[in-house]
Amino acid sequence: MKLAGSRKIKAGLLSLLFISYSSFGTYAYAQTLDSVSHIHHVKAVENKVLVLTHEGLYELVSKNKMNLVGKDKFDVMGFTTLGKALVASGHPSKGSKMPNPIGLVKSIDGGSTWNAISLVGKVDFHFLEGAGSDLYGADSQSGNLMFSKDSGKTWISLGMNTFADIAVSPVTSGMAIAIKNSELLLTKNAFKSTTKIKNTLKFTQIEWRNSGLYALSGTSLYNSSDSGKTWAKLNTFKGSPEILSASDQLMLVTVGSDILTSSDAGRKFKVIP
């Protein structure tokens, strides 16, 4: 999952995936990947693939079929899950009565409806990562990395963000692993302090699920079952992967113009047709 400026986490990657651009002032109903004007990210949520776009949140069925999720069409910038809940941030769409920026919003019905949680009109998170009740967000306006221990109700600033990605422990509160300069840093106290995890791999993306850690390095996907101390190669792709996203049911990786998914924790992938 990229932040404002050179440290954007998992958003607007490279050439914004493989999407063709149209006017950003146009909020047409996007039905295919090619018809949407701007994709920020692609996420695995339970057994679904969700696409964060300028025109709203969509479920990707195939490259030629996307279904709008809910009726609140907003520019979805930051997005993550906290258990069954979806949390997001971004901007209102044209004609919307939502404040700008929308702060942090939450959905408990799969994205059908959204309710404001905090920082309404104040913060635009271009990156969100969370697990349990721990939530990290990078504010695109200030550049600060912020932390909430109560699912986004209250926040503290951790200072300027310097991380390329963060994976939050699904088991232990305050525990997370971040990527900085392609290296891994472990925290057990929500980044009050960190410890470097020694490794020869250079990492670009990382996810933490109940089955372990998953990370991209070069053209390969790796797995760790010991909090990043050792890594085993799961798969190598024909090209440089850009996005890694995983739920406990589904994993996805983008490579060039393809979105690949795996239902067996990264051992086998198939391209979404």
Protein backbone atom coordinates (compact mmCIF):
# COMPACT_ATOMS: atom_id res chain seq x y z
CA MET A 1 0.00 0.00 0.00
CA LYS A 2 2.41 5.09 -0.99
CA LEU A 3 2.30 8.50 0.78
CA ALA A 4 2.34 12.06 -0.48
CA GLY A 5 5.50 12.94 -2.34
CA SER A 6 8.32 10.48 -2.87
CA ARG A 7 7.23 8.27 0.02
CA LYS A 8 3.74 7.40 -1.15
CA ILE A 9 2.68 4.00 0.12
CA LYS A 10 0.70 1.79 -2.23
CA ALA A 11 -1.13 4.51 -4.09
CA GLY A 12 -0.60 5.99 -7.51
CA LEU A 13 2.13 3.45 -8.17
CA LEU A 14 4.44 4.24 -11.06
CA SER A 15 2.16 4.90 -14.02
CA LEU A 16 -0.95 4.38 -11.91
CA LEU A 17 -0.99 0.76 -12.91
CA PHE A 18 -2.23 0.29 -16.42
CA ILE A 19 -5.05 2.79 -16.40
CA SER A 20 -5.69 5.23 -19.24
CA TYR A 21 -6.41 8.77 -18.11
CA SER A 22 -9.40 10.96 -18.83
CA SER A 23 -10.30 14.34 -17.39
CA PHE A 24 -10.12 14.42 -13.60
CA GLY A 25 -13.17 16.67 -13.61
CA THR A 26 -15.31 13.91 -15.07
CA TYR A 27 -17.07 11.57 -12.64
CA ALA A 28 -18.56 9.05 -15.04
CA TYR A 29 -19.83 5.68 -13.89
CA ALA A 30 -16.82 3.40 -14.26
CA GLN A 31 -17.69 -0.12 -15.39
CA THR A 32 -14.30 -1.41 -16.54
CA LEU A 33 -10.69 -0.81 -15.55
CA ASP A 34 -10.12 1.21 -18.71
CA SER A 35 -13.12 3.47 -18.12
CA VAL A 36 -12.03 4.80 -14.73
CA SER A 37 -10.00 8.01 -14.83
CA HIS A 38 -7.65 7.35 -11.92
CA ILE A 39 -6.86 4.31 -9.76
CA HIS A 40 -5.18 4.87 -6.40
CA HIS A 41 -4.89 1.30 -5.22
CA VAL A 42 -6.14 -2.26 -5.48
CA LYS A 43 -6.96 -4.16 -2.26
CA ALA A 44 -7.77 -7.73 -1.27
CA VAL A 45 -10.66 -7.65 1.21
CA GLU A 46 -11.85 -11.06 2.39
CA ASN A 47 -12.35 -12.93 -0.92
CA LYS A 48 -12.95 -9.82 -3.03
CA VAL A 49 -10.77 -7.43 -5.02
CA LEU A 50 -11.64 -3.79 -4.35
CA VAL A 51 -10.45 -0.92 -6.53
CA LEU A 52 -9.92 2.54 -4.98
CA THR A 53 -10.69 5.13 -7.63
CA HIS A 54 -11.30 8.81 -8.26
CA GLU A 55 -14.94 7.92 -8.88
CA GLY A 56 -15.57 5.71 -5.85
CA LEU A 57 -14.96 2.24 -4.46
CA TYR A 58 -15.50 -0.68 -6.85
CA GLU A 59 -15.45 -4.44 -6.68
CA LEU A 60 -13.43 -5.90 -9.55
CA VAL A 61 -15.09 -8.94 -11.10
CA SER A 62 -13.02 -8.97 -14.29
CA LYS A 63 -11.10 -6.40 -16.32
CA ASN A 64 -14.31 -5.67 -18.19
CA LYS A 65 -16.61 -5.62 -15.17
CA MET A 66 -16.50 -3.47 -12.04
CA ASN A 67 -19.40 -2.99 -9.64
CA LEU A 68 -19.78 0.23 -7.65
CA VAL A 69 -19.78 -0.49 -3.90
CA GLY A 70 -22.45 1.57 -2.13
CA LYS A 71 -23.86 4.93 -3.15
CA ASP A 72 -21.30 7.28 -1.57
CA LYS A 73 -19.02 8.01 -4.51
CA PHE A 74 -15.93 9.67 -3.05
CA ASP A 75 -12.30 9.85 -4.15
CA VAL A 76 -10.95 6.91 -2.12
CA MET A 77 -7.32 7.62 -1.23
CA GLY A 78 -6.43 5.72 1.96
CA PHE A 79 -8.13 2.42 2.75
CA THR A 80 -7.73 -0.57 5.07
CA THR A 81 -9.70 -3.04 7.16
CA LEU A 82 -10.10 -3.44 10.91
CA GLY A 83 -11.67 -6.85 11.31
CA LYS A 84 -14.94 -6.79 9.34
CA ALA A 85 -14.99 -2.98 9.21
CA LEU A 86 -13.70 -0.92 6.29
CA VAL A 87 -12.02 2.41 7.00
CA ALA A 88 -11.13 5.01 4.38
CA SER A 89 -10.11 8.58 3.71
CA GLY A 90 -10.09 10.92 0.74
CA HIS A 91 -12.10 13.66 -0.94
CA PRO A 92 -15.77 14.14 -1.81
CA SER A 93 -16.84 13.55 -5.39
CA LYS A 94 -18.46 16.22 -7.56
CA GLY A 95 -21.86 17.13 -6.18
CA SER A 96 -21.26 15.36 -2.86
CA LYS A 97 -22.22 16.99 0.43
CA MET A 98 -19.32 15.33 2.24
CA PRO A 99 -16.69 17.70 3.75
CA ASN A 100 -13.32 18.16 2.08
CA PRO A 101 -11.25 16.34 3.12
CA ILE A 102 -13.55 13.68 4.53
CA GLY A 103 -11.20 12.69 7.39
CA LEU A 104 -11.61 9.08 8.49
CA VAL A 105 -14.81 7.24 7.60
CA LYS A 106 -15.95 3.73 8.51
CA SER A 107 -18.28 1.15 7.01
CA ILE A 108 -19.63 -1.89 8.83
CA ASP A 109 -21.75 -3.09 5.89
CA GLY A 110 -19.08 -3.78 3.31
CA GLY A 111 -18.97 -0.25 1.93
CA SER A 112 -22.70 0.24 1.34
CA THR A 113 -22.78 3.14 3.81
CA TRP A 114 -20.09 5.20 5.53
CA ASN A 115 -20.01 7.12 8.81
CA ALA A 116 -17.51 9.80 9.89
CA ILE A 117 -15.18 8.72 12.71
CA SER A 118 -12.66 11.56 13.18
CA LEU A 119 -10.60 14.40 11.64
CA VAL A 120 -13.46 15.51 9.40
CA GLY A 121 -12.38 18.44 7.21
CA LYS A 122 -8.85 18.22 8.66
CA VAL A 123 -6.93 15.20 7.37
CA ASP A 124 -6.60 13.43 4.03
CA PHE A 125 -4.93 10.08 4.60
CA HIS A 126 -3.29 8.79 1.41
CA PHE A 127 -2.20 5.70 3.33
CA LEU A 128 -3.93 3.64 5.99
CA GLU A 129 -2.81 0.36 7.56
CA GLY A 130 -4.36 -1.35 10.55
CA ALA A 131 -5.20 -4.49 12.49
CA GLY A 132 -7.16 -5.04 15.68
CA SER A 133 -7.71 -1.54 17.02
CA ASP A 134 -4.29 -0.22 15.86
CA LEU A 135 -4.41 2.16 12.89
CA TYR A 136 -1.64 4.09 11.12
CA GLY A 137 -2.29 6.87 8.64
CA ALA A 138 -0.10 9.26 6.68
CA ASP A 139 -1.60 12.70 6.18
CA SER A 140 -0.97 13.94 2.65
CA GLN A 141 -1.20 17.58 3.74
CA SER A 142 1.27 17.66 6.64
CA GLY A 143 3.33 14.59 5.71
CA ASN A 144 2.94 13.31 9.27
CA LEU A 145 2.53 9.68 10.21
CA MET A 146 -0.30 9.36 12.72
CA PHE A 147 -1.30 6.54 15.05
CA SER A 148 -4.58 5.56 16.68
CA LYS A 149 -4.93 2.80 19.27
CA ASP A 150 -8.73 3.00 19.33
CA SER A 151 -9.69 2.29 15.71
CA GLY A 152 -9.36 5.89 14.57
CA LYS A 153 -11.34 7.74 17.22
CA THR A 154 -8.28 9.59 18.61
CA TRP A 155 -4.85 10.14 17.11
CA ILE A 156 -1.27 11.08 17.99
CA SER A 157 1.40 12.31 15.57
CA LEU A 158 4.58 10.25 15.17
CA GLY A 159 6.34 12.96 13.18
CA MET A 160 7.20 13.07 9.50
CA ASN A 161 6.68 9.79 7.74
CA THR A 162 9.87 8.10 6.58
CA PHE A 163 8.47 4.65 5.84
CA ALA A 164 7.75 3.06 2.46
CA ASP A 165 5.24 0.62 3.95
CA ILE A 166 3.91 -0.66 7.28
CA ALA A 167 2.55 -4.09 8.23
CA VAL A 168 0.55 -4.19 11.47
CA SER A 169 0.51 -7.29 13.68
CA PRO A 170 -2.93 -8.95 13.64
CA VAL A 171 -2.24 -10.39 17.11
CA THR A 172 -0.18 -8.00 19.26
CA SER A 173 -1.22 -4.39 19.85
CA GLY A 174 1.57 -1.85 19.24
CA MET A 175 3.58 -4.30 17.15
CA ALA A 176 4.33 -3.53 13.51
CA ILE A 177 7.05 -3.83 10.88
CA ALA A 178 7.95 -0.96 8.56
CA ILE A 179 10.09 -0.68 5.45
CA LYS A 180 12.64 2.13 5.43
CA ASN A 181 15.34 2.33 2.76
CA SER A 182 14.37 -1.22 1.69
CA GLU A 183 15.13 -2.55 5.19
CA LEU A 184 12.79 -3.81 7.91
CA LEU A 185 12.24 -2.10 11.25
CA LEU A 186 10.31 -3.82 14.05
CA THR A 187 8.41 -1.92 16.73
CA LYS A 188 6.62 -3.27 19.78
CA ASN A 189 5.41 0.12 21.03
CA ALA A 190 3.83 1.83 18.02
CA PHE A 191 7.13 3.28 16.74
CA LYS A 192 8.25 4.94 19.95
CA SER A 193 11.31 2.80 19.29
CA THR A 194 12.40 0.39 16.55
CA THR A 195 14.82 -2.47 16.04
CA LYS A 196 16.38 -3.29 12.68
CA ILE A 197 15.64 -6.80 11.41
CA LYS A 198 18.84 -8.05 9.78
CA ASN A 199 18.33 -9.43 6.29
CA THR A 200 20.00 -9.34 2.88
CA LEU A 201 16.74 -8.89 0.95
CA LYS A 202 15.65 -5.44 -0.25
CA PHE A 203 11.93 -5.07 0.40
CA THR A 204 9.36 -2.91 -1.40
CA GLN A 205 5.99 -4.01 0.06
CA ILE A 206 4.92 -5.95 3.15
CA GLU A 207 1.69 -7.44 4.56
CA TRP A 208 1.00 -9.16 7.90
CA ARG A 209 -1.79 -11.72 8.09
CA ASN A 210 -2.69 -14.46 10.57
CA SER A 211 -0.68 -16.92 8.46
CA GLY A 212 2.48 -14.80 8.65
CA LEU A 213 4.35 -12.00 6.93
CA TYR A 214 4.40 -11.61 3.14
CA ALA A 215 6.73 -9.26 1.29
CA LEU A 216 7.96 -8.33 -2.17
CA SER A 217 11.66 -8.17 -2.97
CA GLY A 218 12.82 -7.77 -6.55
CA THR A 219 10.57 -9.94 -8.72
CA SER A 220 9.73 -12.41 -5.94
CA LEU A 221 7.22 -12.92 -3.14
CA TYR A 222 8.51 -14.12 0.24
CA ASN A 223 6.91 -15.42 3.44
CA SER A 224 8.11 -15.30 7.04
CA SER A 225 6.65 -17.16 10.01
CA ASP A 226 9.05 -15.71 12.60
CA SER A 227 8.30 -11.97 12.47
CA GLY A 228 10.74 -11.32 9.63
CA LYS A 229 13.85 -13.02 10.97
CA THR A 230 13.94 -15.57 8.13
CA TRP A 231 12.21 -15.61 4.74
CA ALA A 232 11.21 -18.32 2.27
CA LYS A 233 10.58 -17.63 -1.41
CA LEU A 234 7.00 -18.42 -2.43
CA ASN A 235 6.84 -17.22 -6.01
CA THR A 236 8.74 -15.37 -8.72
CA PHE A 237 6.89 -13.21 -11.26
CA LYS A 238 7.58 -12.46 -14.91
CA GLY A 239 8.14 -8.78 -14.32
CA SER A 240 8.42 -6.38 -11.40
CA PRO A 241 5.44 -6.55 -9.02
CA GLU A 242 4.12 -3.20 -7.81
CA ILE A 243 1.25 -3.80 -5.38
CA LEU A 244 0.94 -6.51 -2.74
CA SER A 245 -2.31 -6.81 -0.80
CA ALA A 246 -3.60 -9.70 1.28
CA SER A 247 -6.55 -10.74 3.39
CA ASP A 248 -6.78 -14.05 5.21
CA GLN A 249 -8.69 -15.47 2.23
CA LEU A 250 -7.06 -13.83 -0.78
CA MET A 251 -3.75 -12.35 -1.93
CA LEU A 252 -3.17 -10.12 -4.92
CA VAL A 253 -0.12 -8.82 -6.75
CA THR A 254 -0.04 -6.44 -9.70
CA VAL A 255 2.53 -7.02 -12.42
CA GLY A 256 2.46 -4.63 -15.36
CA SER A 257 -1.10 -4.60 -16.72
CA ASP A 258 -2.14 -7.74 -14.83
CA ILE A 259 -3.76 -8.27 -11.46
CA LEU A 260 -2.90 -11.72 -10.13
CA THR A 261 -4.73 -13.41 -7.25
CA SER A 262 -3.94 -16.36 -5.02
CA SER A 263 -6.26 -18.31 -2.72
CA ASP A 264 -3.47 -20.47 -1.24
CA ALA A 265 -1.35 -17.80 0.48
CA GLY A 266 0.82 -16.97 -2.50
CA ARG A 267 1.84 -20.41 -3.70
CA LYS A 268 -0.14 -20.25 -6.95
CA PHE A 269 -1.46 -17.19 -8.77
CA LYS A 270 -3.90 -16.65 -11.60
CA VAL A 271 -4.48 -13.54 -13.71
CA ILE A 272 -7.87 -11.87 -13.42
CA PRO A 273 -9.23 -12.18 -17.00
